[in-house]
Amino acid sequence: KPIAESLVILEYIDETWQEGYPLLMPKDPYQRSLARFWA
């Protein structure tokens, strides 16, 4: 299954593989929206 666009792919990676390295996106919805904004 293909996923395009680098920022979309980064979120997909973060949501799909949650073990090991800390989450790339904040858990808090507001902080997560800020991360999307700055990216």
All heavy atoms as atom14 arrays in JSON, in Angstrom:
{
  "sequence": "KPIAESLVILEYIDETWQEGYPLLMPKDPYQRSLARFWA",
  "atom14_mask": [
    [1, 1, 1, 1, 1, 1, 1, 1, 1, 0, 0, 0, 0, 0],
    [1, 1, 1, 1, 1, 1, 1, 0, 0, 0, 0, 0, 0, 0],
    [1, 1, 1, 1, 1, 1, 1, 1, 0, 0, 0, 0, 0, 0],
    [1, 1, 1, 1, 1, 0, 0, 0, 0, 0, 0, 0, 0, 0],
    [1, 1, 1, 1, 1, 1, 1, 1, 1, 0, 0, 0, 0, 0],
    [1, 1, 1, 1, 1, 1, 0, 0, 0, 0, 0, 0, 0, 0],
    [1, 1, 1, 1, 1, 1, 1, 1, 0, 0, 0, 0, 0, 0],
    [1, 1, 1, 1, 1, 1, 1, 0, 0, 0, 0, 0, 0, 0],
    [1, 1, 1, 1, 1, 1, 1, 1, 0, 0, 0, 0, 0, 0],
    [1, 1, 1, 1, 1, 1, 1, 1, 0, 0, 0, 0, 0, 0],
    [1, 1, 1, 1, 1, 1, 1, 1, 1, 0, 0, 0, 0, 0],
    [1, 1, 1, 1, 1, 1, 1, 1, 1, 1, 1, 1, 0, 0],
    [1, 1, 1, 1, 1, 1, 1, 1, 0, 0, 0, 0, 0, 0],
    [1, 1, 1, 1, 1, 1, 1, 1, 0, 0, 0, 0, 0, 0],
    [1, 1, 1, 1, 1, 1, 1, 1, 1, 0, 0, 0, 0, 0],
    [1, 1, 1, 1, 1, 1, 1, 0, 0, 0, 0, 0, 0, 0],
    [1, 1, 1, 1, 1, 1, 1, 1, 1, 1, 1, 1, 1, 1],
    [1, 1, 1, 1, 1, 1, 1, 1, 1, 0, 0, 0, 0, 0],
    [1, 1, 1, 1, 1, 1, 1, 1, 1, 0, 0, 0, 0, 0],
    [1, 1, 1, 1, 0, 0, 0, 0, 0, 0, 0, 0, 0, 0],
    [1, 1, 1, 1, 1, 1, 1, 1, 1, 1, 1, 1, 0, 0],
    [1, 1, 1, 1, 1, 1, 1, 0, 0, 0, 0, 0, 0, 0],
    [1, 1, 1, 1, 1, 1, 1, 1, 0, 0, 0, 0, 0, 0],
    [1, 1, 1, 1, 1, 1, 1, 1, 0, 0, 0, 0, 0, 0],
    [1, 1, 1, 1, 1, 1, 1, 1, 0, 0, 0, 0, 0, 0],
    [1, 1, 1, 1, 1, 1, 1, 0, 0, 0, 0, 0, 0, 0],
    [1, 1, 1, 1, 1, 1, 1, 1, 1, 0, 0, 0, 0, 0],
    [1, 1, 1, 1, 1, 1, 1, 1, 0, 0, 0, 0, 0, 0],
    [1, 1, 1, 1, 1, 1, 1, 0, 0, 0, 0, 0, 0, 0],
    [1, 1, 1, 1, 1, 1, 1, 1, 1, 1, 1, 1, 0, 0],
    [1, 1, 1, 1, 1, 1, 1, 1, 1, 0, 0, 0, 0, 0],
    [1, 1, 1, 1, 1, 1, 1, 1, 1, 1, 1, 0, 0, 0],
    [1, 1, 1, 1, 1, 1, 0, 0, 0, 0, 0, 0, 0, 0],
    [1, 1, 1, 1, 1, 1, 1, 1, 0, 0, 0, 0, 0, 0],
    [1, 1, 1, 1, 1, 0, 0, 0, 0, 0, 0, 0, 0, 0],
    [1, 1, 1, 1, 1, 1, 1, 1, 1, 1, 1, 0, 0, 0],
    [1, 1, 1, 1, 1, 1, 1, 1, 1, 1, 1, 0, 0, 0],
    [1, 1, 1, 1, 1, 1, 1, 1, 1, 1, 1, 1, 1, 1],
    [1, 1, 1, 1, 1, 0, 0, 0, 0, 0, 0, 0, 0, 0]
  ],
  "atom14_positions": [
    [[0.85, -1.2, 0.0], [0.0, 0.0, 0.0], [0.88, 1.25, 0.0], [1.7, 1.42, 0.91], [-0.91, 0.0, 1.22], [-1.89, -1.16, 1.25], [-2.71, -1.13, 2.54], [-3.67, -2.32, 2.59], [-4.43, -2.35, 3.87], [0.0, 0.0, 0.0], [0.0, 0.0, 0.0], [0.0, 0.0, 0.0], [0.0, 0.0, 0.0], [0.0, 0.0, 0.0]],
    [[0.71, 2.14, -0.98], [1.59, 3.32, -1.08], [1.07, 4.51, -0.29], [-0.14, 4.75, -0.19], [1.56, 3.64, -2.58], [0.2, 3.18, -3.03], [-0.16, 2.0, -2.16], [0.0, 0.0, 0.0], [0.0, 0.0, 0.0], [0.0, 0.0, 0.0], [0.0, 0.0, 0.0], [0.0, 0.0, 0.0], [0.0, 0.0, 0.0], [0.0, 0.0, 0.0]],
    [[2.01, 5.27, 0.28], [1.72, 6.55, 0.94], [2.69, 7.56, 0.34], [3.89, 7.32, 0.27], [1.9, 6.49, 2.47], [1.04, 5.38, 3.07], [1.53, 7.82, 3.11], [1.8, 4.14, 3.41], [0.0, 0.0, 0.0], [0.0, 0.0, 0.0], [0.0, 0.0, 0.0], [0.0, 0.0, 0.0], [0.0, 0.0, 0.0], [0.0, 0.0, 0.0]],
    [[2.16, 8.72, -0.07], [2.98, 9.77, -0.68], [2.98, 11.01, 0.2], [2.16, 11.15, 1.11], [2.45, 10.12, -2.07], [0.0, 0.0, 0.0], [0.0, 0.0, 0.0], [0.0, 0.0, 0.0], [0.0, 0.0, 0.0], [0.0, 0.0, 0.0], [0.0, 0.0, 0.0], [0.0, 0.0, 0.0], [0.0, 0.0, 0.0], [0.0, 0.0, 0.0]],
    [[3.91, 11.92, -0.09], [4.11, 13.2, 0.62], [4.83, 12.96, 1.95], [4.32, 12.26, 2.82], [2.8, 13.95, 0.85], [2.06, 14.31, -0.42], [2.83, 15.3, -1.28], [3.23, 16.37, -0.78], [3.05, 14.99, -2.46], [0.0, 0.0, 0.0], [0.0, 0.0, 0.0], [0.0, 0.0, 0.0], [0.0, 0.0, 0.0], [0.0, 0.0, 0.0]],
    [[5.99, 13.57, 2.1], [6.88, 13.22, 3.22], [6.26, 13.45, 4.59], [6.43, 12.63, 5.5], [8.21, 13.98, 3.11], [8.03, 15.37, 3.27], [0.0, 0.0, 0.0], [0.0, 0.0, 0.0], [0.0, 0.0, 0.0], [0.0, 0.0, 0.0], [0.0, 0.0, 0.0], [0.0, 0.0, 0.0], [0.0, 0.0, 0.0], [0.0, 0.0, 0.0]],
    [[5.53, 14.55, 4.79], [4.95, 14.8, 6.11], [3.84, 13.81, 6.43], [3.69, 13.39, 7.59], [4.43, 16.24, 6.2], [5.48, 17.34, 6.01], [4.84, 18.71, 6.2], [6.66, 17.16, 6.97], [0.0, 0.0, 0.0], [0.0, 0.0, 0.0], [0.0, 0.0, 0.0], [0.0, 0.0, 0.0], [0.0, 0.0, 0.0], [0.0, 0.0, 0.0]],
    [[3.08, 13.43, 5.42], [2.05, 12.41, 5.61], [2.71, 11.07, 5.96], [2.25, 10.35, 6.86], [1.18, 12.27, 4.33], [0.16, 11.14, 4.49], [0.47, 13.58, 4.03], [0.0, 0.0, 0.0], [0.0, 0.0, 0.0], [0.0, 0.0, 0.0], [0.0, 0.0, 0.0], [0.0, 0.0, 0.0], [0.0, 0.0, 0.0], [0.0, 0.0, 0.0]],
    [[3.79, 10.76, 5.26], [4.5, 9.5, 5.51], [5.06, 9.48, 6.93], [5.0, 8.45, 7.63], [5.63, 9.29, 4.49], [5.05, 9.17, 3.07], [6.43, 8.03, 4.83], [6.11, 9.19, 1.97], [0.0, 0.0, 0.0], [0.0, 0.0, 0.0], [0.0, 0.0, 0.0], [0.0, 0.0, 0.0], [0.0, 0.0, 0.0], [0.0, 0.0, 0.0]],
    [[5.62, 10.6, 7.4], [6.18, 10.65, 8.75], [5.1, 10.34, 9.8], [5.36, 9.6, 10.75], [6.8, 12.02, 9.02], [8.1, 12.36, 8.29], [8.55, 13.76, 8.63], [9.2, 11.35, 8.61], [0.0, 0.0, 0.0], [0.0, 0.0, 0.0], [0.0, 0.0, 0.0], [0.0, 0.0, 0.0], [0.0, 0.0, 0.0], [0.0, 0.0, 0.0]],
    [[3.92, 10.9, 9.62], [2.84, 10.61, 10.58], [2.44, 9.14, 10.5], [2.15, 8.51, 11.52], [1.64, 11.52, 10.32], [1.87, 12.96, 10.75], [0.58, 13.68, 11.09], [-0.24, 13.11, 11.85], [0.39, 14.8, 10.6], [0.0, 0.0, 0.0], [0.0, 0.0, 0.0], [0.0, 0.0, 0.0], [0.0, 0.0, 0.0], [0.0, 0.0, 0.0]],
    [[2.4, 8.6, 9.3], [2.06, 7.18, 9.13], [3.07, 6.3, 9.86], [2.7, 5.36, 10.57], [2.01, 6.81, 7.65], [1.68, 5.36, 7.4], [0.36, 4.93, 7.37], [2.69, 4.42, 7.21], [0.05, 3.59, 7.15], [2.4, 3.08, 7.0], [1.07, 2.66, 6.97], [0.78, 1.34, 6.77], [0.0, 0.0, 0.0], [0.0, 0.0, 0.0]],
    [[4.35, 6.6, 9.67], [5.4, 5.83, 10.35], [5.23, 5.91, 11.86], [5.32, 4.91, 12.57], [6.8, 6.35, 9.93], [7.08, 6.01, 8.46], [7.9, 5.79, 10.83], [8.31, 6.69, 7.89], [0.0, 0.0, 0.0], [0.0, 0.0, 0.0], [0.0, 0.0, 0.0], [0.0, 0.0, 0.0], [0.0, 0.0, 0.0], [0.0, 0.0, 0.0]],
    [[4.94, 7.1, 12.35], [4.82, 7.31, 13.79], [3.64, 6.52, 14.36], [3.73, 5.94, 15.44], [4.63, 8.8, 14.08], [5.0, 9.17, 15.49], [5.94, 8.56, 16.05], [4.38, 10.08, 16.06], [0.0, 0.0, 0.0], [0.0, 0.0, 0.0], [0.0, 0.0, 0.0], [0.0, 0.0, 0.0], [0.0, 0.0, 0.0], [0.0, 0.0, 0.0]],
    [[2.54, 6.49, 13.63], [1.34, 5.81, 14.12], [1.42, 4.3, 13.94], [0.81, 3.55, 14.7], [0.11, 6.36, 13.39], [-0.2, 7.81, 13.74], [-1.27, 8.42, 12.86], [-1.86, 7.69, 12.03], [-1.52, 9.63, 13.0], [0.0, 0.0, 0.0], [0.0, 0.0, 0.0], [0.0, 0.0, 0.0], [0.0, 0.0, 0.0], [0.0, 0.0, 0.0]],
    [[2.19, 3.85, 12.95], [2.26, 2.42, 12.65], [3.27, 1.7, 13.53], [3.01, 0.58, 13.99], [2.63, 2.21, 11.17], [1.66, 2.89, 10.36], [2.65, 0.73, 10.81], [0.0, 0.0, 0.0], [0.0, 0.0, 0.0], [0.0, 0.0, 0.0], [0.0, 0.0, 0.0], [0.0, 0.0, 0.0], [0.0, 0.0, 0.0], [0.0, 0.0, 0.0]],
    [[4.41, 2.33, 13.8], [5.46, 1.7, 14.61], [5.66, 2.53, 15.87], [6.43, 3.49, 15.89], [6.75, 1.61, 13.8], [6.62, 0.65, 12.66], [6.69, -0.71, 12.72], [6.41, 0.97, 11.27], [6.53, -1.25, 11.47], [6.35, -0.25, 10.55], [6.27, 2.17, 10.57], [6.16, -0.31, 9.18], [6.05, 2.12, 9.19], [6.0, 0.9, 8.51]],
    [[4.96, 2.15, 16.92], [4.96, 2.95, 18.15], [5.89, 2.41, 19.23], [6.04, 3.01, 20.29], [3.53, 3.06, 18.71], [2.59, 3.75, 17.75], [1.26, 4.12, 18.37], [1.07, 3.99, 19.58], [0.33, 4.59, 17.56], [0.0, 0.0, 0.0], [0.0, 0.0, 0.0], [0.0, 0.0, 0.0], [0.0, 0.0, 0.0], [0.0, 0.0, 0.0]],
    [[6.51, 1.27, 18.96], [7.42, 0.69, 19.95], [8.81, 1.3, 19.79], [9.18, 1.81, 18.75], [7.5, -0.83, 19.77], [6.16, -1.55, 19.88], [5.51, -1.38, 21.23], [6.24, -1.41, 22.24], [4.27, -1.2, 21.28], [0.0, 0.0, 0.0], [0.0, 0.0, 0.0], [0.0, 0.0, 0.0], [0.0, 0.0, 0.0], [0.0, 0.0, 0.0]],
    [[9.6, 1.21, 20.86], [11.01, 1.63, 20.77], [11.17, 3.12, 20.9], [10.93, 3.7, 21.97], [0.0, 0.0, 0.0], [0.0, 0.0, 0.0], [0.0, 0.0, 0.0], [0.0, 0.0, 0.0], [0.0, 0.0, 0.0], [0.0, 0.0, 0.0], [0.0, 0.0, 0.0], [0.0, 0.0, 0.0], [0.0, 0.0, 0.0], [0.0, 0.0, 0.0]],
    [[11.54, 3.77, 19.79], [11.82, 5.2, 19.83], [10.57, 5.98, 20.23], [9.46, 5.64, 19.8], [12.33, 5.67, 18.47], [12.87, 7.09, 18.49], [14.17, 7.34, 18.91], [12.07, 8.17, 18.12], [14.67, 8.63, 18.95], [12.56, 9.47, 18.16], [13.86, 9.69, 18.58], [14.35, 10.97, 18.63], [0.0, 0.0, 0.0], [0.0, 0.0, 0.0]],
    [[10.72, 7.06, 21.05], [9.56, 7.87, 21.43], [8.8, 8.39, 20.21], [9.37, 8.56, 19.14], [10.18, 9.04, 22.21], [11.49, 8.52, 22.7], [11.97, 7.54, 21.67], [0.0, 0.0, 0.0], [0.0, 0.0, 0.0], [0.0, 0.0, 0.0], [0.0, 0.0, 0.0], [0.0, 0.0, 0.0], [0.0, 0.0, 0.0], [0.0, 0.0, 0.0]],
    [[7.52, 8.63, 20.39], [6.68, 9.12, 19.31], [7.25, 10.42, 18.72], [7.72, 11.28, 19.45], [5.26, 9.37, 19.8], [4.44, 8.12, 20.16], [3.11, 8.54, 20.78], [4.22, 7.24, 18.95], [0.0, 0.0, 0.0], [0.0, 0.0, 0.0], [0.0, 0.0, 0.0], [0.0, 0.0, 0.0], [0.0, 0.0, 0.0], [0.0, 0.0, 0.0]],
    [[7.19, 10.53, 17.4], [7.66, 11.74, 16.72], [6.68, 12.89, 16.92], [7.07, 14.05, 16.95], [7.82, 11.47, 15.22], [8.8, 10.36, 14.82], [8.77, 10.16, 13.31], [10.2, 10.67, 15.3], [0.0, 0.0, 0.0], [0.0, 0.0, 0.0], [0.0, 0.0, 0.0], [0.0, 0.0, 0.0], [0.0, 0.0, 0.0], [0.0, 0.0, 0.0]],
    [[5.4, 12.55, 17.04], [4.36, 13.56, 17.25], [3.95, 13.59, 18.72], [3.82, 12.54, 19.36], [3.13, 13.23, 16.39], [3.36, 13.37, 14.91], [3.43, 15.1, 14.38], [1.71, 15.52, 14.37], [0.0, 0.0, 0.0], [0.0, 0.0, 0.0], [0.0, 0.0, 0.0], [0.0, 0.0, 0.0], [0.0, 0.0, 0.0], [0.0, 0.0, 0.0]],
    [[3.7, 14.78, 19.28], [3.25, 14.86, 20.67], [1.9, 14.16, 20.85], [1.09, 14.09, 19.93], [3.11, 16.36, 20.92], [3.89, 17.02, 19.83], [3.85, 16.11, 18.66], [0.0, 0.0, 0.0], [0.0, 0.0, 0.0], [0.0, 0.0, 0.0], [0.0, 0.0, 0.0], [0.0, 0.0, 0.0], [0.0, 0.0, 0.0], [0.0, 0.0, 0.0]],
    [[1.66, 13.65, 22.05], [0.37, 13.01, 22.35], [-0.73, 14.04, 22.52], [-1.88, 13.8, 22.16], [0.49, 12.14, 23.6], [1.32, 10.88, 23.39], [1.33, 10.02, 24.65], [2.14, 8.75, 24.43], [2.18, 7.9, 25.65], [0.0, 0.0, 0.0], [0.0, 0.0, 0.0], [0.0, 0.0, 0.0], [0.0, 0.0, 0.0], [0.0, 0.0, 0.0]],
    [[-0.39, 15.18, 23.11], [-1.38, 16.23, 23.34], [-1.9, 16.78, 22.0], [-1.09, 17.15, 21.14], [-0.75, 17.36, 24.15], [-1.71, 18.52, 24.36], [-2.61, 18.38, 25.2], [-1.55, 19.54, 23.67], [0.0, 0.0, 0.0], [0.0, 0.0, 0.0], [0.0, 0.0, 0.0], [0.0, 0.0, 0.0], [0.0, 0.0, 0.0], [0.0, 0.0, 0.0]],
    [[-3.22, 16.84, 21.8], [-3.77, 17.27, 20.51], [-3.32, 18.68, 20.1], [-3.06, 18.92, 18.91], [-5.28, 17.23, 20.73], [-5.47, 16.24, 21.84], [-4.27, 16.39, 22.72], [0.0, 0.0, 0.0], [0.0, 0.0, 0.0], [0.0, 0.0, 0.0], [0.0, 0.0, 0.0], [0.0, 0.0, 0.0], [0.0, 0.0, 0.0], [0.0, 0.0, 0.0]],
    [[-3.23, 19.59, 21.06], [-2.82, 20.95, 20.72], [-1.36, 20.98, 20.29], [-1.01, 21.59, 19.26], [-3.03, 21.89, 21.91], [-2.56, 23.3, 21.62], [-3.22, 24.09, 20.68], [-1.44, 23.83, 22.26], [-2.79, 25.39, 20.4], [-1.0, 25.12, 21.98], [-1.67, 25.89, 21.05], [-1.24, 27.15, 20.77], [0.0, 0.0, 0.0], [0.0, 0.0, 0.0]],
    [[-0.5, 20.3, 21.05], [0.91, 20.25, 20.69], [1.11, 19.53, 19.36], [1.99, 19.89, 18.57], [1.72, 19.56, 21.8], [1.75, 20.33, 23.11], [2.39, 21.71, 22.97], [3.35, 21.89, 22.23], [1.84, 22.69, 23.67], [0.0, 0.0, 0.0], [0.0, 0.0, 0.0], [0.0, 0.0, 0.0], [0.0, 0.0, 0.0], [0.0, 0.0, 0.0]],
    [[0.28, 18.53, 19.12], [0.37, 17.81, 17.85], [0.0, 18.73, 16.68], [0.64, 18.69, 15.63], [-0.54, 16.58, 17.89], [-0.27, 15.58, 16.78], [-0.77, 14.18, 17.11], [-2.2, 14.13, 17.35], [-2.75, 13.79, 18.51], [-1.98, 13.47, 19.54], [-4.05, 13.74, 18.65], [0.0, 0.0, 0.0], [0.0, 0.0, 0.0], [0.0, 0.0, 0.0]],
    [[-1.02, 19.55, 16.88], [-1.42, 20.49, 15.83], [-0.31, 21.51, 15.57], [-0.07, 21.91, 14.43], [-2.73, 21.19, 16.19], [-2.56, 22.1, 17.25], [0.0, 0.0, 0.0], [0.0, 0.0, 0.0], [0.0, 0.0, 0.0], [0.0, 0.0, 0.0], [0.0, 0.0, 0.0], [0.0, 0.0, 0.0], [0.0, 0.0, 0.0], [0.0, 0.0, 0.0]],
    [[0.39, 21.93, 16.63], [1.51, 22.86, 16.47], [2.64, 22.22, 15.68], [3.27, 22.86, 14.83], [2.03, 23.32, 17.83], [1.15, 24.31, 18.61], [1.83, 24.68, 19.93], [0.87, 25.56, 17.79], [0.0, 0.0, 0.0], [0.0, 0.0, 0.0], [0.0, 0.0, 0.0], [0.0, 0.0, 0.0], [0.0, 0.0, 0.0], [0.0, 0.0, 0.0]],
    [[2.91, 20.94, 15.95], [3.97, 20.24, 15.21], [3.62, 20.18, 13.73], [4.48, 20.4, 12.86], [4.17, 18.83, 15.78], [0.0, 0.0, 0.0], [0.0, 0.0, 0.0], [0.0, 0.0, 0.0], [0.0, 0.0, 0.0], [0.0, 0.0, 0.0], [0.0, 0.0, 0.0], [0.0, 0.0, 0.0], [0.0, 0.0, 0.0], [0.0, 0.0, 0.0]],
    [[2.35, 19.9, 13.43], [1.93, 19.88, 12.02], [2.11, 21.26, 11.39], [2.54, 21.38, 10.24], [0.46, 19.46, 11.91], [0.21, 17.99, 12.21], [-1.19, 17.59, 11.78], [-1.46, 16.21, 12.12], [-2.22, 15.82, 13.14], [-2.79, 16.73, 13.93], [-2.41, 14.55, 13.39], [0.0, 0.0, 0.0], [0.0, 0.0, 0.0], [0.0, 0.0, 0.0]],
    [[1.73, 22.29, 12.15], [1.83, 23.65, 11.63], [3.28, 23.99, 11.27], [3.55, 24.49, 10.17], [1.32, 24.66, 12.68], [1.57, 26.09, 12.3], [0.68, 26.78, 11.49], [2.73, 26.76, 12.71], [0.91, 28.09, 11.11], [2.97, 28.07, 12.34], [2.06, 28.73, 11.55], [0.0, 0.0, 0.0], [0.0, 0.0, 0.0], [0.0, 0.0, 0.0]],
    [[4.21, 23.72, 12.19], [5.61, 24.11, 11.94], [6.26, 23.26, 10.85], [7.08, 23.75, 10.08], [6.41, 24.07, 13.23], [6.07, 25.23, 14.11], [5.33, 25.21, 15.27], [6.42, 26.6, 13.88], [5.2, 26.49, 15.76], [5.85, 27.36, 14.94], [7.14, 27.26, 12.89], [6.0, 28.74, 15.03], [7.3, 28.64, 12.98], [6.73, 29.36, 14.04]],
    [[5.86, 22.0, 10.76], [6.38, 21.16, 9.68], [5.94, 21.69, 8.33], [6.73, 21.78, 7.38], [5.93, 19.71, 9.88], [0.0, 0.0, 0.0], [0.0, 0.0, 0.0], [0.0, 0.0, 0.0], [0.0, 0.0, 0.0], [0.0, 0.0, 0.0], [0.0, 0.0, 0.0], [0.0, 0.0, 0.0], [0.0, 0.0, 0.0], [0.0, 0.0, 0.0]]
  ]
}
